[in-house]
Amino acid sequence: MLTQQPQHELREQLVTLRCEHRSLDEQINQLTATGVFDQLLVSRMKKRRLHLKDMINHLSSDLIPDMNA
């Protein structure tokens, strides 16, 4: 079980990661909307966005309390 302080820190980190994910998503959409874009750059951005999503999911699951079976 996590204490209040680590939970608070995890929630702040989660907000930061979600913000970065959203920003990357917007940047990718803007780049690809033009029709002419650097495929390698977009690929790297998508990879980073996926990594952020994995981190978000991991932190979210850490914040869910374990249930006793």
C-alpha atoms as a PDB file:
ATOM      1  CA  MET A   1       0.000   0.000   0.000  1.00  0.00           C
ATOM      2  CA  LEU A   2       1.340   3.419  -0.916  1.00  0.00           C
ATOM      3  CA  THR A   3       1.535   6.294   1.519  1.00  0.00           C
ATOM      4  CA  GLN A   4      -0.100   9.641   0.773  1.00  0.00           C
ATOM      5  CA  GLN A   5       3.127  11.324  -0.331  1.00  0.00           C
ATOM      6  CA  PRO A   6       4.085   8.782  -3.012  1.00  0.00           C
ATOM      7  CA  GLN A   7       0.475   8.693  -4.236  1.00  0.00           C
ATOM      8  CA  HIS A   8       0.526  12.463  -4.560  1.00  0.00           C
ATOM      9  CA  GLU A   9       3.816  12.318  -6.455  1.00  0.00           C
ATOM     10  CA  LEU A  10       2.476   9.574  -8.729  1.00  0.00           C
ATOM     11  CA  ARG A  11      -0.617  11.643  -9.492  1.00  0.00           C
ATOM     12  CA  GLU A  12       1.531  14.668 -10.376  1.00  0.00           C
ATOM     13  CA  GLN A  13       3.724  12.525 -12.604  1.00  0.00           C
ATOM     14  CA  LEU A  14       0.616  11.074 -14.230  1.00  0.00           C
ATOM     15  CA  VAL A  15      -0.684  14.565 -15.032  1.00  0.00           C
ATOM     16  CA  THR A  16       2.681  15.509 -16.533  1.00  0.00           C
ATOM     17  CA  LEU A  17       2.819  12.373 -18.684  1.00  0.00           C
ATOM     18  CA  ARG A  18      -0.755  12.852 -19.902  1.00  0.00           C
ATOM     19  CA  CYS A  19       0.025  16.438 -20.848  1.00  0.00           C
ATOM     20  CA  GLU A  20       3.123  15.388 -22.793  1.00  0.00           C
ATOM     21  CA  HIS A  21       1.161  12.585 -24.499  1.00  0.00           C
ATOM     22  CA  ARG A  22      -1.583  15.016 -25.522  1.00  0.00           C
ATOM     23  CA  SER A  23       0.978  17.503 -26.834  1.00  0.00           C
ATOM     24  CA  LEU A  24       2.731  14.833 -28.897  1.00  0.00           C
ATOM     25  CA  ASP A  25      -0.603  13.679 -30.276  1.00  0.00           C
ATOM     26  CA  GLU A  26      -1.413  17.217 -31.408  1.00  0.00           C
ATOM     27  CA  GLN A  27       2.023  17.660 -32.975  1.00  0.00           C
ATOM     28  CA  ILE A  28       1.726  14.378 -34.862  1.00  0.00           C
ATOM     29  CA  ASN A  29      -1.720  15.325 -36.136  1.00  0.00           C
ATOM     30  CA  GLN A  30      -0.483  18.732 -37.300  1.00  0.00           C
ATOM     31  CA  LEU A  31       2.507  17.250 -39.101  1.00  0.00           C
ATOM     32  CA  THR A  32       0.556  14.512 -40.853  1.00  0.00           C
ATOM     33  CA  ALA A  33      -2.282  16.859 -41.839  1.00  0.00           C
ATOM     34  CA  THR A  34       0.047  18.747 -44.178  1.00  0.00           C
ATOM     35  CA  GLY A  35       0.574  15.642 -46.307  1.00  0.00           C
ATOM     36  CA  VAL A  36       4.315  16.317 -46.621  1.00  0.00           C
ATOM     37  CA  PHE A  37       6.247  15.374 -43.489  1.00  0.00           C
ATOM     38  CA  ASP A  38       9.378  13.647 -42.267  1.00  0.00           C
ATOM     39  CA  GLN A  39       8.377   9.999 -41.914  1.00  0.00           C
ATOM     40  CA  LEU A  40      11.272   9.233 -39.557  1.00  0.00           C
ATOM     41  CA  LEU A  41      10.399  12.142 -37.260  1.00  0.00           C
ATOM     42  CA  VAL A  42       6.740  11.121 -37.093  1.00  0.00           C
ATOM     43  CA  SER A  43       7.734   7.512 -36.454  1.00  0.00           C
ATOM     44  CA  ARG A  44       9.943   8.571 -33.527  1.00  0.00           C
ATOM     45  CA  MET A  45       7.194  10.783 -32.160  1.00  0.00           C
ATOM     46  CA  LYS A  46       4.696   7.931 -32.343  1.00  0.00           C
ATOM     47  CA  LYS A  47       7.133   5.622 -30.577  1.00  0.00           C
ATOM     48  CA  ARG A  48       7.602   8.193 -27.795  1.00  0.00           C
ATOM     49  CA  ARG A  49       3.815   8.654 -27.559  1.00  0.00           C
ATOM     50  CA  LEU A  50       3.343   4.898 -27.193  1.00  0.00           C
ATOM     51  CA  HIS A  51       6.028   4.769 -24.499  1.00  0.00           C
ATOM     52  CA  LEU A  52       4.252   7.581 -22.644  1.00  0.00           C
ATOM     53  CA  LYS A  53       0.952   5.698 -22.890  1.00  0.00           C
ATOM     54  CA  ASP A  54       2.591   2.598 -21.402  1.00  0.00           C
ATOM     55  CA  MET A  55       4.000   4.672 -18.548  1.00  0.00           C
ATOM     56  CA  ILE A  56       0.588   6.267 -17.961  1.00  0.00           C
ATOM     57  CA  ASN A  57      -1.069   2.852 -17.806  1.00  0.00           C
ATOM     58  CA  HIS A  58       1.588   1.540 -15.425  1.00  0.00           C
ATOM     59  CA  LEU A  59       1.259   4.505 -13.053  1.00  0.00           C
ATOM     60  CA  SER A  60      -2.534   4.338 -13.201  1.00  0.00           C
ATOM     61  CA  SER A  61      -2.475   0.695 -12.201  1.00  0.00           C
ATOM     62  CA  ASP A  62      -0.090   1.518  -9.327  1.00  0.00           C
ATOM     63  CA  LEU A  63      -2.645   3.980  -7.984  1.00  0.00           C
ATOM     64  CA  ILE A  64      -5.436   1.376  -7.905  1.00  0.00           C
ATOM     65  CA  PRO A  65      -5.471  -0.346  -4.508  1.00  0.00           C
ATOM     66  CA  ASP A  66      -5.041  -4.118  -4.446  1.00  0.00           C
ATOM     67  CA  MET A  67      -8.169  -6.069  -3.610  1.00  0.00           C
ATOM     68  CA  ASN A  68      -7.951  -8.951  -1.149  1.00  0.00           C
ATOM     69  CA  ALA A  69      -9.279 -12.065  -2.817  1.00  0.00           C
END
